[in-house]
N, C-alpha and C. Protein backbone atom coordinates (compact mmCIF):
# COMPACT_ATOMS: atom_id res chain seq x y z
N MET A 1 210.39 319.62 31.70
CA MET A 1 209.93 318.28 31.99
C MET A 1 208.65 318.03 31.20
N SER A 2 208.58 316.94 30.52
CA SER A 2 207.39 316.62 29.72
C SER A 2 206.26 316.16 30.62
N SER A 3 205.03 316.18 30.09
CA SER A 3 203.89 315.74 30.89
C SER A 3 204.00 314.26 31.24
N GLY A 4 204.63 313.47 30.38
CA GLY A 4 204.85 312.06 30.69
C GLY A 4 205.77 311.88 31.87
N ASP A 5 206.81 312.71 31.94
CA ASP A 5 207.73 312.66 33.08
C ASP A 5 207.03 313.08 34.36
N MET A 6 206.22 314.14 34.27
CA MET A 6 205.49 314.60 35.44
C MET A 6 204.50 313.53 35.89
N ASN A 7 203.85 312.88 34.94
CA ASN A 7 202.91 311.82 35.24
C ASN A 7 203.60 310.68 35.96
N SER A 8 204.74 310.22 35.44
CA SER A 8 205.42 309.08 36.06
C SER A 8 205.99 309.45 37.42
N SER A 9 206.45 310.68 37.61
CA SER A 9 206.96 311.06 38.93
C SER A 9 205.81 311.19 39.93
N GLU A 10 204.64 311.63 39.49
CA GLU A 10 203.48 311.70 40.37
C GLU A 10 203.02 310.30 40.76
N VAL A 11 203.02 309.38 39.81
CA VAL A 11 202.66 307.99 40.10
C VAL A 11 203.66 307.40 41.09
N ALA A 12 204.93 307.65 40.90
CA ALA A 12 205.96 307.15 41.81
C ALA A 12 205.75 307.73 43.21
N ARG A 13 205.43 309.00 43.30
CA ARG A 13 205.19 309.64 44.59
C ARG A 13 203.99 309.01 45.29
N LEU A 14 202.92 308.79 44.54
CA LEU A 14 201.72 308.19 45.12
C LEU A 14 201.97 306.75 45.55
N ARG A 15 202.72 306.01 44.76
CA ARG A 15 203.07 304.63 45.14
C ARG A 15 203.84 304.62 46.45
N GLU A 16 204.78 305.54 46.58
CA GLU A 16 205.57 305.61 47.81
C GLU A 16 204.69 305.95 49.01
N GLN A 17 203.75 306.86 48.82
CA GLN A 17 202.84 307.23 49.92
C GLN A 17 201.99 306.03 50.34
N VAL A 18 201.50 305.27 49.38
CA VAL A 18 200.69 304.09 49.69
C VAL A 18 201.55 303.07 50.44
N GLU A 19 202.78 302.86 49.98
CA GLU A 19 203.67 301.93 50.69
C GLU A 19 203.88 302.36 52.13
N LEU A 20 204.06 303.64 52.37
CA LEU A 20 204.24 304.15 53.73
C LEU A 20 202.99 303.92 54.58
N GLU A 21 201.82 304.12 54.00
CA GLU A 21 200.58 303.88 54.74
C GLU A 21 200.44 302.41 55.10
N TYR A 22 200.74 301.52 54.15
CA TYR A 22 200.64 300.09 54.43
C TYR A 22 201.67 299.67 55.47
N ARG A 23 202.87 300.22 55.41
CA ARG A 23 203.88 299.92 56.42
C ARG A 23 203.41 300.35 57.80
N ALA A 24 202.83 301.54 57.87
CA ALA A 24 202.30 302.04 59.14
C ALA A 24 201.19 301.13 59.65
N MET A 25 200.32 300.67 58.75
CA MET A 25 199.25 299.75 59.15
C MET A 25 199.82 298.47 59.73
N MET A 26 200.82 297.92 59.07
CA MET A 26 201.42 296.67 59.55
C MET A 26 202.07 296.88 60.91
N LEU A 27 202.74 297.99 61.10
CA LEU A 27 203.32 298.29 62.40
C LEU A 27 202.23 298.47 63.44
N GLY A 28 201.13 299.08 63.03
CA GLY A 28 200.00 299.25 63.94
C GLY A 28 199.40 297.93 64.39
N LEU A 29 199.42 296.95 63.52
CA LEU A 29 198.89 295.63 63.87
C LEU A 29 199.75 294.91 64.89
N THR A 30 201.03 295.21 64.90
CA THR A 30 201.94 294.51 65.81
C THR A 30 202.36 295.37 66.99
N GLY A 31 201.82 296.59 67.07
CA GLY A 31 202.19 297.51 68.14
C GLY A 31 201.41 297.26 69.41
N PHE A 32 201.49 298.22 70.31
CA PHE A 32 200.89 298.09 71.62
C PHE A 32 199.41 298.48 71.67
N ALA A 33 198.94 299.19 70.67
CA ALA A 33 197.53 299.60 70.66
C ALA A 33 196.65 298.38 70.53
N GLU A 34 195.47 298.49 71.10
CA GLU A 34 194.53 297.38 70.96
C GLU A 34 193.11 297.90 70.87
N GLY A 35 192.23 297.04 70.46
CA GLY A 35 190.81 297.38 70.41
C GLY A 35 190.50 298.53 69.48
N SER A 36 189.70 299.47 70.00
CA SER A 36 189.22 300.56 69.17
C SER A 36 190.34 301.49 68.73
N SER A 37 191.40 301.62 69.53
CA SER A 37 192.54 302.46 69.11
C SER A 37 193.18 301.91 67.86
N MET A 38 193.39 300.60 67.82
CA MET A 38 194.00 299.97 66.66
C MET A 38 193.08 300.10 65.45
N HIS A 39 191.79 299.89 65.67
CA HIS A 39 190.83 299.98 64.57
C HIS A 39 190.82 301.40 63.99
N ALA A 40 190.82 302.40 64.85
CA ALA A 40 190.82 303.79 64.38
C ALA A 40 192.09 304.11 63.60
N PHE A 41 193.22 303.62 64.08
CA PHE A 41 194.49 303.86 63.40
C PHE A 41 194.49 303.24 62.01
N ILE A 42 194.08 301.99 61.92
CA ILE A 42 194.07 301.29 60.63
C ILE A 42 193.03 301.91 59.70
N SER A 43 191.89 302.29 60.23
CA SER A 43 190.86 302.94 59.40
C SER A 43 191.38 304.25 58.81
N ALA A 44 192.12 305.00 59.61
CA ALA A 44 192.69 306.26 59.12
C ALA A 44 193.70 306.00 58.01
N ARG A 45 194.52 304.97 58.15
CA ARG A 45 195.50 304.63 57.11
C ARG A 45 194.78 304.21 55.83
N MET A 46 193.72 303.42 55.96
CA MET A 46 192.97 302.98 54.79
C MET A 46 192.28 304.15 54.09
N ALA A 47 191.82 305.13 54.86
CA ALA A 47 191.20 306.31 54.26
C ALA A 47 192.24 307.06 53.43
N CYS A 48 193.47 307.13 53.93
CA CYS A 48 194.54 307.78 53.16
C CYS A 48 194.81 307.01 51.88
N VAL A 49 194.87 305.69 51.97
CA VAL A 49 195.11 304.86 50.78
C VAL A 49 194.00 305.08 49.76
N GLU A 50 192.78 305.19 50.23
CA GLU A 50 191.65 305.43 49.31
C GLU A 50 191.83 306.74 48.55
N GLY A 51 192.29 307.76 49.25
CA GLY A 51 192.56 309.05 48.60
C GLY A 51 193.67 308.93 47.57
N TYR A 52 194.73 308.20 47.93
CA TYR A 52 195.82 308.00 46.97
C TYR A 52 195.35 307.19 45.76
N HIS A 53 194.44 306.24 45.99
CA HIS A 53 193.88 305.47 44.88
C HIS A 53 193.16 306.41 43.91
N ASP A 54 192.37 307.33 44.47
CA ASP A 54 191.65 308.27 43.62
C ASP A 54 192.61 309.14 42.80
N GLU A 55 193.70 309.58 43.43
CA GLU A 55 194.70 310.37 42.71
C GLU A 55 195.37 309.54 41.62
N LEU A 56 195.71 308.29 41.96
CA LEU A 56 196.31 307.40 40.96
C LEU A 56 195.36 307.17 39.79
N ALA A 57 194.09 306.99 40.09
CA ALA A 57 193.09 306.75 39.03
C ALA A 57 193.06 307.92 38.05
N ARG A 58 193.23 309.13 38.55
CA ARG A 58 193.26 310.29 37.65
C ARG A 58 194.51 310.27 36.77
N GLU A 59 195.58 309.68 37.27
CA GLU A 59 196.85 309.64 36.53
C GLU A 59 196.90 308.48 35.53
N VAL A 60 196.45 307.29 35.97
CA VAL A 60 196.67 306.09 35.15
C VAL A 60 195.39 305.32 34.81
N GLY A 61 194.24 305.79 35.30
CA GLY A 61 192.99 305.08 35.07
C GLY A 61 192.64 304.19 36.26
N GLU A 62 191.34 303.93 36.38
CA GLU A 62 190.80 303.18 37.52
C GLU A 62 191.39 301.78 37.66
N ASP A 63 191.40 301.01 36.56
CA ASP A 63 191.87 299.63 36.63
C ASP A 63 193.34 299.54 37.02
N LYS A 64 194.17 300.37 36.41
CA LYS A 64 195.60 300.36 36.71
C LYS A 64 195.84 300.81 38.15
N ALA A 65 195.09 301.82 38.61
CA ALA A 65 195.23 302.30 39.99
C ALA A 65 194.89 301.19 40.98
N THR A 66 193.81 300.48 40.71
CA THR A 66 193.41 299.38 41.59
C THR A 66 194.47 298.29 41.60
N GLN A 67 195.05 297.98 40.45
CA GLN A 67 196.10 296.97 40.38
C GLN A 67 197.33 297.41 41.19
N ILE A 68 197.71 298.67 41.08
CA ILE A 68 198.85 299.18 41.84
C ILE A 68 198.59 299.06 43.34
N ILE A 69 197.41 299.47 43.77
CA ILE A 69 197.06 299.42 45.20
C ILE A 69 197.09 297.97 45.69
N CYS A 70 196.52 297.07 44.92
CA CYS A 70 196.51 295.65 45.31
C CYS A 70 197.92 295.08 45.37
N ASP A 71 198.74 295.40 44.39
CA ASP A 71 200.13 294.92 44.39
C ASP A 71 200.89 295.43 45.61
N LEU A 72 200.69 296.69 45.95
CA LEU A 72 201.39 297.26 47.11
C LEU A 72 200.87 296.65 48.41
N TYR A 73 199.59 296.36 48.48
CA TYR A 73 199.04 295.71 49.66
C TYR A 73 199.63 294.30 49.81
N ASN A 74 199.67 293.56 48.71
CA ASN A 74 200.25 292.21 48.75
C ASN A 74 201.72 292.25 49.14
N LYS A 75 202.43 293.23 48.65
CA LYS A 75 203.84 293.39 49.02
C LYS A 75 203.98 293.67 50.51
N ALA A 76 203.11 294.53 51.04
CA ALA A 76 203.20 294.90 52.45
C ALA A 76 202.82 293.75 53.38
N THR A 77 201.88 292.92 52.95
CA THR A 77 201.38 291.86 53.83
C THR A 77 202.01 290.50 53.54
N GLY A 78 202.75 290.44 52.45
CA GLY A 78 203.34 289.15 52.04
C GLY A 78 204.57 288.83 52.72
């Protein structure tokens, strides 16, 4: 497998992880938790997304990573 293939599969894996975190956040917003429990849940999901952003930035650069994260957020909330 070439480094380009490994790079694209890693980016795909990270994109999928971010999508899962955003899906979990959206479910958390509509679930039964309320108040500080909901805030803690969403904060934990956002911390995970931040970590995935950092990993993406190492793969594709800061600007592209930010664009990917924003696109996935818009997809999840749109």
